[in-house]
């Protein structure tokens, strides 16, 4: 079985007015449950990358094999999230 990791999700950019109130610096950890307070639209956008990172995979276009970025689907008020693999202790 592949290694399992948690994934730290951090807001790295936010423009306009986020309806949920996400702002640069907000952090969440995705483990066995969804993080409280995360926008469902954004979560849906980045969840596929979280699953890849959780099970040791990489994204071929990412410079860092332990990280990925994705934006929420609100093009008028984009929030960009960085997902980073962290080892479970």
PDB file of N, CA and C in Angstrom:
ATOM      1  N   UNK A   1       0.837  -1.183   0.000  1.00  0.00           N
ATOM      2  CA  UNK A   1       0.000   0.000   0.000  1.00  0.00           C
ATOM      3  C   UNK A   1       0.882   1.246   0.000  1.00  0.00           C
ATOM      4  N   UNK A   2       0.482   2.248  -0.717  1.00  0.00           N
ATOM      5  CA  UNK A   2       1.245   3.490  -0.820  1.00  0.00           C
ATOM      6  C   UNK A   2       1.248   4.224   0.513  1.00  0.00           C
ATOM      7  N   UNK A   3       2.310   5.010   0.720  1.00  0.00           N
ATOM      8  CA  UNK A   3       2.351   5.863   1.906  1.00  0.00           C
ATOM      9  C   UNK A   3       1.159   6.799   1.899  1.00  0.00           C
ATOM     10  N   UNK A   4       0.696   7.142   3.090  1.00  0.00           N
ATOM     11  CA  UNK A   4      -0.415   8.095   3.220  1.00  0.00           C
ATOM     12  C   UNK A   4       0.110   9.326   3.927  1.00  0.00           C
ATOM     13  N   UNK A   5      -0.239  10.468   3.406  1.00  0.00           N
ATOM     14  CA  UNK A   5       0.173  11.750   3.953  1.00  0.00           C
ATOM     15  C   UNK A   5      -1.060  12.597   4.243  1.00  0.00           C
ATOM     16  N   UNK A   6      -0.912  13.557   5.130  1.00  0.00           N
ATOM     17  CA  UNK A   6      -1.889  14.626   5.241  1.00  0.00           C
ATOM     18  C   UNK A   6      -1.474  15.695   4.252  1.00  0.00           C
ATOM     19  N   UNK A   7      -2.375  16.606   3.958  1.00  0.00           N
ATOM     20  CA  UNK A   7      -2.065  17.688   3.029  1.00  0.00           C
ATOM     21  C   UNK A   7      -2.466  19.010   3.669  1.00  0.00           C
ATOM     22  N   UNK A   8      -1.495  19.923   3.761  1.00  0.00           N
ATOM     23  CA  UNK A   8      -1.771  21.264   4.272  1.00  0.00           C
ATOM     24  C   UNK A   8      -2.171  22.132   3.091  1.00  0.00           C
ATOM     25  N   UNK A   9      -3.304  22.788   3.213  1.00  0.00           N
ATOM     26  CA  UNK A   9      -3.820  23.674   2.171  1.00  0.00           C
ATOM     27  C   UNK A   9      -3.710  25.100   2.701  1.00  0.00           C
ATOM     28  N   UNK A  10      -3.102  25.980   1.897  1.00  0.00           N
ATOM     29  CA  UNK A  10      -2.882  27.365   2.323  1.00  0.00           C
ATOM     30  C   UNK A  10      -3.336  28.318   1.226  1.00  0.00           C
ATOM     31  N   UNK A  11      -4.036  29.384   1.613  1.00  0.00           N
ATOM     32  CA  UNK A  11      -4.419  30.416   0.644  1.00  0.00           C
ATOM     33  C   UNK A  11      -3.176  31.257   0.360  1.00  0.00           C
ATOM     34  N   UNK A  12      -2.762  31.286  -0.915  1.00  0.00           N
ATOM     35  CA  UNK A  12      -1.567  32.044  -1.276  1.00  0.00           C
ATOM     36  C   UNK A  12      -1.883  33.302  -2.087  1.00  0.00           C
ATOM     37  N   UNK A  13      -3.118  33.425  -2.547  1.00  0.00           N
ATOM     38  CA  UNK A  13      -3.522  34.609  -3.305  1.00  0.00           C
ATOM     39  C   UNK A  13      -5.038  34.743  -3.231  1.00  0.00           C
ATOM     40  N   UNK A  14      -5.521  35.976  -3.104  1.00  0.00           N
ATOM     41  CA  UNK A  14      -6.961  36.216  -3.098  1.00  0.00           C
ATOM     42  C   UNK A  14      -7.218  37.595  -3.677  1.00  0.00           C
ATOM     43  N   UNK A  15      -8.088  37.659  -4.661  1.00  0.00           N
ATOM     44  CA  UNK A  15      -8.441  38.930  -5.300  1.00  0.00           C
ATOM     45  C   UNK A  15      -9.941  39.095  -5.270  1.00  0.00           C
ATOM     46  N   UNK A  16     -10.384  40.322  -5.185  1.00  0.00           N
ATOM     47  CA  UNK A  16     -11.817  40.575  -5.143  1.00  0.00           C
ATOM     48  C   UNK A  16     -12.361  40.303  -3.758  1.00  0.00           C
ATOM     49  N   UNK A  17     -13.584  39.802  -3.714  1.00  0.00           N
ATOM     50  CA  UNK A  17     -14.266  39.564  -2.446  1.00  0.00           C
ATOM     51  C   UNK A  17     -14.723  38.110  -2.379  1.00  0.00           C
ATOM     52  N   UNK A  18     -14.038  37.321  -1.567  1.00  0.00           N
ATOM     53  CA  UNK A  18     -14.391  35.910  -1.405  1.00  0.00           C
ATOM     54  C   UNK A  18     -15.680  35.818  -0.593  1.00  0.00           C
ATOM     55  N   UNK A  19     -16.674  35.144  -1.134  1.00  0.00           N
ATOM     56  CA  UNK A  19     -17.978  35.025  -0.461  1.00  0.00           C
ATOM     57  C   UNK A  19     -17.874  34.309   0.889  1.00  0.00           C
ATOM     58  N   UNK A  20     -16.923  33.417   1.038  1.00  0.00           N
ATOM     59  CA  UNK A  20     -16.741  32.673   2.288  1.00  0.00           C
ATOM     60  C   UNK A  20     -15.825  33.434   3.244  1.00  0.00           C
ATOM     61  N   UNK A  21     -14.995  34.318   2.689  1.00  0.00           N
ATOM     62  CA  UNK A  21     -14.089  35.099   3.519  1.00  0.00           C
ATOM     63  C   UNK A  21     -12.673  34.561   3.601  1.00  0.00           C
ATOM     64  N   UNK A  22     -12.307  33.659   2.681  1.00  0.00           N
ATOM     65  CA  UNK A  22     -10.927  33.179   2.674  1.00  0.00           C
ATOM     66  C   UNK A  22      -9.991  34.346   2.388  1.00  0.00           C
ATOM     67  N   UNK A  23      -8.822  34.316   3.044  1.00  0.00           N
ATOM     68  CA  UNK A  23      -7.828  35.371   2.834  1.00  0.00           C
ATOM     69  C   UNK A  23      -6.436  34.748   2.846  1.00  0.00           C
ATOM     70  N   UNK A  24      -5.476  35.471   2.285  1.00  0.00           N
ATOM     71  CA  UNK A  24      -4.104  34.989   2.221  1.00  0.00           C
ATOM     72  C   UNK A  24      -3.630  34.629   3.626  1.00  0.00           C
ATOM     73  N   UNK A  25      -3.031  33.463   3.722  1.00  0.00           N
ATOM     74  CA  UNK A  25      -2.518  32.977   4.997  1.00  0.00           C
ATOM     75  C   UNK A  25      -3.408  31.948   5.671  1.00  0.00           C
ATOM     76  N   UNK A  26      -4.684  31.877   5.294  1.00  0.00           N
ATOM     77  CA  UNK A  26      -5.567  30.848   5.859  1.00  0.00           C
ATOM     78  C   UNK A  26      -4.967  29.476   5.570  1.00  0.00           C
ATOM     79  N   UNK A  27      -5.024  28.575   6.549  1.00  0.00           N
ATOM     80  CA  UNK A  27      -4.505  27.221   6.380  1.00  0.00           C
ATOM     81  C   UNK A  27      -5.506  26.194   6.884  1.00  0.00           C
ATOM     82  N   UNK A  28      -5.524  25.063   6.211  1.00  0.00           N
ATOM     83  CA  UNK A  28      -6.367  23.935   6.569  1.00  0.00           C
ATOM     84  C   UNK A  28      -5.544  22.674   6.393  1.00  0.00           C
ATOM     85  N   UNK A  29      -5.836  21.646   7.162  1.00  0.00           N
ATOM     86  CA  UNK A  29      -5.203  20.348   6.953  1.00  0.00           C
ATOM     87  C   UNK A  29      -6.280  19.365   6.530  1.00  0.00           C
ATOM     88  N   UNK A  30      -6.025  18.682   5.421  1.00  0.00           N
ATOM     89  CA  UNK A  30      -6.932  17.642   4.940  1.00  0.00           C
ATOM     90  C   UNK A  30      -6.320  16.308   5.337  1.00  0.00           C
ATOM     91  N   UNK A  31      -7.108  15.529   6.064  1.00  0.00           N
ATOM     92  CA  UNK A  31      -6.659  14.222   6.510  1.00  0.00           C
ATOM     93  C   UNK A  31      -7.759  13.223   6.178  1.00  0.00           C
ATOM     94  N   UNK A  32      -8.415  12.705   7.187  1.00  0.00           N
ATOM     95  CA  UNK A  32      -9.499  11.749   6.949  1.00  0.00           C
ATOM     96  C   UNK A  32     -10.851  12.428   6.803  1.00  0.00           C
ATOM     97  N   UNK A  33     -10.931  13.702   7.142  1.00  0.00           N
ATOM     98  CA  UNK A  33     -12.189  14.444   7.031  1.00  0.00           C
ATOM     99  C   UNK A  33     -11.939  15.772   6.330  1.00  0.00           C
ATOM    100  N   UNK A  34     -12.998  16.383   5.854  1.00  0.00           N
ATOM    101  CA  UNK A  34     -12.867  17.697   5.230  1.00  0.00           C
ATOM    102  C   UNK A  34     -12.638  18.747   6.310  1.00  0.00           C
ATOM    103  N   UNK A  35     -11.851  19.757   6.014  1.00  0.00           N
ATOM    104  CA  UNK A  35     -11.595  20.789   7.014  1.00  0.00           C
ATOM    105  C   UNK A  35     -12.812  21.688   7.216  1.00  0.00           C
ATOM    106  N   UNK A  36     -13.070  22.041   8.454  1.00  0.00           N
ATOM    107  CA  UNK A  36     -14.187  22.927   8.769  1.00  0.00           C
ATOM    108  C   UNK A  36     -13.905  24.323   8.224  1.00  0.00           C
ATOM    109  N   UNK A  37     -14.925  24.934   7.638  1.00  0.00           N
ATOM    110  CA  UNK A  37     -14.824  26.314   7.180  1.00  0.00           C
ATOM    111  C   UNK A  37     -14.333  26.498   5.755  1.00  0.00           C
ATOM    112  N   UNK A  38     -14.032  25.425   5.052  1.00  0.00           N
ATOM    113  CA  UNK A  38     -13.537  25.557   3.678  1.00  0.00           C
ATOM    114  C   UNK A  38     -14.712  25.672   2.717  1.00  0.00           C
ATOM    115  N   UNK A  39     -14.578  26.538   1.746  1.00  0.00           N
ATOM    116  CA  UNK A  39     -15.597  26.704   0.711  1.00  0.00           C
ATOM    117  C   UNK A  39     -15.730  25.406  -0.091  1.00  0.00           C
ATOM    118  N   UNK A  40     -16.949  24.926  -0.267  1.00  0.00           N
ATOM    119  CA  UNK A  40     -17.149  23.672  -0.987  1.00  0.00           C
ATOM    120  C   UNK A  40     -16.757  23.769  -2.461  1.00  0.00           C
ATOM    121  N   UNK A  41     -16.972  24.928  -3.083  1.00  0.00           N
ATOM    122  CA  UNK A  41     -16.561  25.099  -4.482  1.00  0.00           C
ATOM    123  C   UNK A  41     -15.057  24.994  -4.632  1.00  0.00           C
ATOM    124  N   UNK A  42     -14.332  25.648  -3.733  1.00  0.00           N
ATOM    125  CA  UNK A  42     -12.876  25.578  -3.761  1.00  0.00           C
ATOM    126  C   UNK A  42     -12.403  24.162  -3.439  1.00  0.00           C
ATOM    127  N   UNK A  43     -12.999  23.549  -2.425  1.00  0.00           N
ATOM    128  CA  UNK A  43     -12.612  22.192  -2.043  1.00  0.00           C
ATOM    129  C   UNK A  43     -12.793  21.233  -3.219  1.00  0.00           C
ATOM    130  N   UNK A  44     -13.893  21.371  -3.919  1.00  0.00           N
ATOM    131  CA  UNK A  44     -14.148  20.534  -5.084  1.00  0.00           C
ATOM    132  C   UNK A  44     -13.078  20.742  -6.162  1.00  0.00           C
ATOM    133  N   UNK A  45     -12.597  21.983  -6.308  1.00  0.00           N
ATOM    134  CA  UNK A  45     -11.587  22.289  -7.327  1.00  0.00           C
ATOM    135  C   UNK A  45     -10.226  21.677  -6.984  1.00  0.00           C
ATOM    136  N   UNK A  46      -9.834  21.699  -5.715  1.00  0.00           N
ATOM    137  CA  UNK A  46      -8.497  21.215  -5.394  1.00  0.00           C
ATOM    138  C   UNK A  46      -8.449  19.793  -4.837  1.00  0.00           C
ATOM    139  N   UNK A  47      -9.591  19.200  -4.524  1.00  0.00           N
ATOM    140  CA  UNK A  47      -9.602  17.866  -3.941  1.00  0.00           C
ATOM    141  C   UNK A  47      -8.896  16.807  -4.804  1.00  0.00           C
ATOM    142  N   UNK A  48      -9.035  16.809  -6.124  1.00  0.00           N
ATOM    143  CA  UNK A  48      -8.306  15.795  -6.902  1.00  0.00           C
ATOM    144  C   UNK A  48      -6.794  15.860  -6.676  1.00  0.00           C
ATOM    145  N   UNK A  49      -6.242  17.060  -6.537  1.00  0.00           N
ATOM    146  CA  UNK A  49      -4.802  17.204  -6.295  1.00  0.00           C
ATOM    147  C   UNK A  49      -4.443  16.745  -4.884  1.00  0.00           C
ATOM    148  N   UNK A  50      -5.324  17.026  -3.925  1.00  0.00           N
ATOM    149  CA  UNK A  50      -5.107  16.576  -2.548  1.00  0.00           C
ATOM    150  C   UNK A  50      -4.988  15.053  -2.524  1.00  0.00           C
ATOM    151  N   UNK A  51      -5.875  14.354  -3.198  1.00  0.00           N
ATOM    152  CA  UNK A  51      -5.851  12.887  -3.201  1.00  0.00           C
ATOM    153  C   UNK A  51      -4.552  12.355  -3.809  1.00  0.00           C
ATOM    154  N   UNK A  52      -4.093  12.984  -4.873  1.00  0.00           N
ATOM    155  CA  UNK A  52      -2.831  12.560  -5.483  1.00  0.00           C
ATOM    156  C   UNK A  52      -1.690  12.708  -4.484  1.00  0.00           C
ATOM    157  N   UNK A  53      -1.610  13.877  -3.834  1.00  0.00           N
ATOM    158  CA  UNK A  53      -0.541  14.126  -2.870  1.00  0.00           C
ATOM    159  C   UNK A  53      -0.659  13.218  -1.652  1.00  0.00           C
ATOM    160  N   UNK A  54      -1.879  12.927  -1.202  1.00  0.00           N
ATOM    161  CA  UNK A  54      -2.081  12.077  -0.022  1.00  0.00           C
ATOM    162  C   UNK A  54      -1.493  10.678  -0.188  1.00  0.00           C
ATOM    163  N   UNK A  55      -1.505  10.182  -1.397  1.00  0.00           N
ATOM    164  CA  UNK A  55      -1.067   8.815  -1.623  1.00  0.00           C
ATOM    165  C   UNK A  55       0.266   8.723  -2.359  1.00  0.00           C
ATOM    166  N   UNK A  56       1.078   9.804  -2.257  1.00  0.00           N
ATOM    167  CA  UNK A  56       2.446   9.759  -2.748  1.00  0.00           C
ATOM    168  C   UNK A  56       2.641  10.090  -4.208  1.00  0.00           C
ATOM    169  N   UNK A  57       1.571  10.468  -4.902  1.00  0.00           N
ATOM    170  CA  UNK A  57       1.694  10.796  -6.313  1.00  0.00           C
ATOM    171  C   UNK A  57       2.251  12.198  -6.543  1.00  0.00           C
ATOM    172  N   UNK A  58       2.570  12.494  -7.775  1.00  0.00           N
ATOM    173  CA  UNK A  58       3.063  13.814  -8.155  1.00  0.00           C
ATOM    174  C   UNK A  58       2.294  14.319  -9.373  1.00  0.00           C
ATOM    175  N   UNK A  59       2.341  15.617  -9.557  1.00  0.00           N
ATOM    176  CA  UNK A  59       1.727  16.249 -10.725  1.00  0.00           C
ATOM    177  C   UNK A  59       2.850  16.630 -11.686  1.00  0.00           C
ATOM    178  N   UNK A  60       2.820  16.149 -12.920  1.00  0.00           N
ATOM    179  CA  UNK A  60       3.958  16.326 -13.820  1.00  0.00           C
ATOM    180  C   UNK A  60       4.301  17.782 -14.127  1.00  0.00           C
ATOM    181  N   UNK A  61       3.369  18.700 -13.992  1.00  0.00           N
ATOM    182  CA  UNK A  61       3.634  20.104 -14.286  1.00  0.00           C
ATOM    183  C   UNK A  61       4.120  20.901 -13.071  1.00  0.00           C
ATOM    184  N   UNK A  62       4.136  20.273 -11.911  1.00  0.00           N
ATOM    185  CA  UNK A  62       4.534  20.966 -10.692  1.00  0.00           C
ATOM    186  C   UNK A  62       6.055  20.939 -10.529  1.00  0.00           C
ATOM    187  N   UNK A  63       6.645  22.086 -10.208  1.00  0.00           N
ATOM    188  CA  UNK A  63       8.085  22.169  -9.971  1.00  0.00           C
ATOM    189  C   UNK A  63       8.481  21.407  -8.711  1.00  0.00           C
ATOM    190  N   UNK A  64       7.585  21.394  -7.722  1.00  0.00           N
ATOM    191  CA  UNK A  64       7.837  20.748  -6.435  1.00  0.00           C
ATOM    192  C   UNK A  64       7.002  19.466  -6.368  1.00  0.00           C
ATOM    193  N   UNK A  65       7.625  18.307  -6.236  1.00  0.00           N
ATOM    194  CA  UNK A  65       6.851  17.061  -6.227  1.00  0.00           C
ATOM    195  C   UNK A  65       5.934  16.913  -5.011  1.00  0.00           C
ATOM    196  N   UNK A  66       6.128  17.721  -3.985  1.00  0.00           N
ATOM    197  CA  UNK A  66       5.306  17.640  -2.779  1.00  0.00           C
ATOM    198  C   UNK A  66       4.232  18.714  -2.719  1.00  0.00           C
ATOM    199  N   UNK A  67       4.025  19.447  -3.820  1.00  0.00           N
ATOM    200  CA  UNK A  67       3.071  20.560  -3.782  1.00  0.00           C
ATOM    201  C   UNK A  67       2.323  20.702  -5.098  1.00  0.00           C
ATOM    202  N   UNK A  68       1.191  21.397  -5.010  1.00  0.00           N
ATOM    203  CA  UNK A  68       0.386  21.722  -6.186  1.00  0.00           C
ATOM    204  C   UNK A  68      -0.390  22.994  -5.867  1.00  0.00           C
ATOM    205  N   UNK A  69      -0.880  23.672  -6.890  1.00  0.00           N
ATOM    206  CA  UNK A  69      -1.731  24.838  -6.695  1.00  0.00           C
ATOM    207  C   UNK A  69      -3.000  24.678  -7.522  1.00  0.00           C
ATOM    208  N   UNK A  70      -4.063  25.301  -7.020  1.00  0.00           N
ATOM    209  CA  UNK A  70      -5.341  25.300  -7.730  1.00  0.00           C
ATOM    210  C   UNK A  70      -6.133  26.519  -7.279  1.00  0.00           C
ATOM    211  N   UNK A  71      -7.013  26.985  -8.145  1.00  0.00           N
ATOM    212  CA  UNK A  71      -7.836  28.152  -7.840  1.00  0.00           C
ATOM    213  C   UNK A  71      -9.297  27.746  -7.688  1.00  0.00           C
ATOM    214  N   UNK A  72     -10.009  28.520  -6.887  1.00  0.00           N
ATOM    215  CA  UNK A  72     -11.441  28.286  -6.765  1.00  0.00           C
ATOM    216  C   UNK A  72     -12.103  28.621  -8.107  1.00  0.00           C
ATOM    217  N   UNK A  73     -13.320  28.158  -8.330  1.00  0.00           N
ATOM    218  CA  UNK A  73     -13.965  28.373  -9.625  1.00  0.00           C
ATOM    219  C   UNK A  73     -14.570  29.766  -9.825  1.00  0.00           C
ATOM    220  N   UNK A  74     -14.506  30.658  -8.843  1.00  0.00           N
ATOM    221  CA  UNK A  74     -15.062  32.009  -8.979  1.00  0.00           C
ATOM    222  C   UNK A  74     -14.044  32.897  -9.693  1.00  0.00           C
ATOM    223  N   UNK A  75     -14.144  32.974 -11.006  1.00  0.00           N
ATOM    224  CA  UNK A  75     -13.167  33.718 -11.810  1.00  0.00           C
ATOM    225  C   UNK A  75     -13.153  35.212 -11.503  1.00  0.00           C
ATOM    226  N   UNK A  76     -14.268  35.764 -11.023  1.00  0.00           N
ATOM    227  CA  UNK A  76     -14.329  37.195 -10.710  1.00  0.00           C
ATOM    228  C   UNK A  76     -13.658  37.513  -9.376  1.00  0.00           C
ATOM    229  N   UNK A  77     -13.528  36.522  -8.501  1.00  0.00           N
ATOM    230  CA  UNK A  77     -12.947  36.705  -7.169  1.00  0.00           C
ATOM    231  C   UNK A  77     -12.045  35.517  -6.831  1.00  0.00           C
ATOM    232  N   UNK A  78     -10.976  35.322  -7.609  1.00  0.00           N
ATOM    233  CA  UNK A  78     -10.205  34.092  -7.453  1.00  0.00           C
ATOM    234  C   UNK A  78      -9.426  33.999  -6.140  1.00  0.00           C
ATOM    235  N   UNK A  79      -9.493  32.823  -5.570  1.00  0.00           N
ATOM    236  CA  UNK A  79      -8.677  32.456  -4.414  1.00  0.00           C
ATOM    237  C   UNK A  79      -7.793  31.307  -4.885  1.00  0.00           C
ATOM    238  N   UNK A  80      -6.480  31.440  -4.686  1.00  0.00           N
ATOM    239  CA  UNK A  80      -5.542  30.400  -5.108  1.00  0.00           C
ATOM    240  C   UNK A  80      -5.022  29.686  -3.867  1.00  0.00           C
ATOM    241  N   UNK A  81      -5.044  28.367  -3.938  1.00  0.00           N
ATOM    242  CA  UNK A  81      -4.639  27.516  -2.828  1.00  0.00           C
ATOM    243  C   UNK A  81      -3.387  26.740  -3.200  1.00  0.00           C
ATOM    244  N   UNK A  82      -2.461  26.623  -2.246  1.00  0.00           N
ATOM    245  CA  UNK A  82      -1.330  25.729  -2.389  1.00  0.00           C
ATOM    246  C   UNK A  82      -1.592  24.517  -1.519  1.00  0.00           C
ATOM    247  N   UNK A  83      -1.424  23.345  -2.078  1.00  0.00           N
ATOM    248  CA  UNK A  83      -1.534  22.099  -1.334  1.00  0.00           C
ATOM    249  C   UNK A  83      -0.129  21.537  -1.160  1.00  0.00           C
ATOM    250  N   UNK A  84       0.214  21.170   0.058  1.00  0.00           N
ATOM    251  CA  UNK A  84       1.545  20.647   0.348  1.00  0.00           C
ATOM    252  C   UNK A  84       1.433  19.362   1.166  1.00  0.00           C
ATOM    253  N   UNK A  85       2.098  18.329   0.661  1.00  0.00           N
ATOM    254  CA  UNK A  85       2.118  17.029   1.333  1.00  0.00           C
ATOM    255  C   UNK A  85       2.907  17.166   2.642  1.00  0.00           C
ATOM    256  N   UNK A  86       2.341  16.625   3.724  1.00  0.00           N
ATOM    257  CA  UNK A  86       3.065  16.584   5.005  1.00  0.00           C
ATOM    258  C   UNK A  86       2.984  15.174   5.551  1.00  0.00           C
ATOM    259  N   UNK A  87       4.062  14.701   6.113  1.00  0.00           N
ATOM    260  CA  UNK A  87       4.103  13.335   6.634  1.00  0.00           C
ATOM    261  C   UNK A  87       3.299  13.236   7.916  1.00  0.00           C
ATOM    262  N   UNK A  88       2.532  12.167   8.037  1.00  0.00           N
ATOM    263  CA  UNK A  88       1.768  11.905   9.255  1.00  0.00           C
ATOM    264  C   UNK A  88       2.750  11.397  10.295  1.00  0.00           C
ATOM    265  N   UNK A  89       2.669  11.965  11.458  1.00  0.00           N
ATOM    266  CA  UNK A  89       3.590  11.567  12.541  1.00  0.00           C
ATOM    267  C   UNK A  89       3.007  10.461  13.369  1.00  0.00           C
TER     268      UNK A  89
END
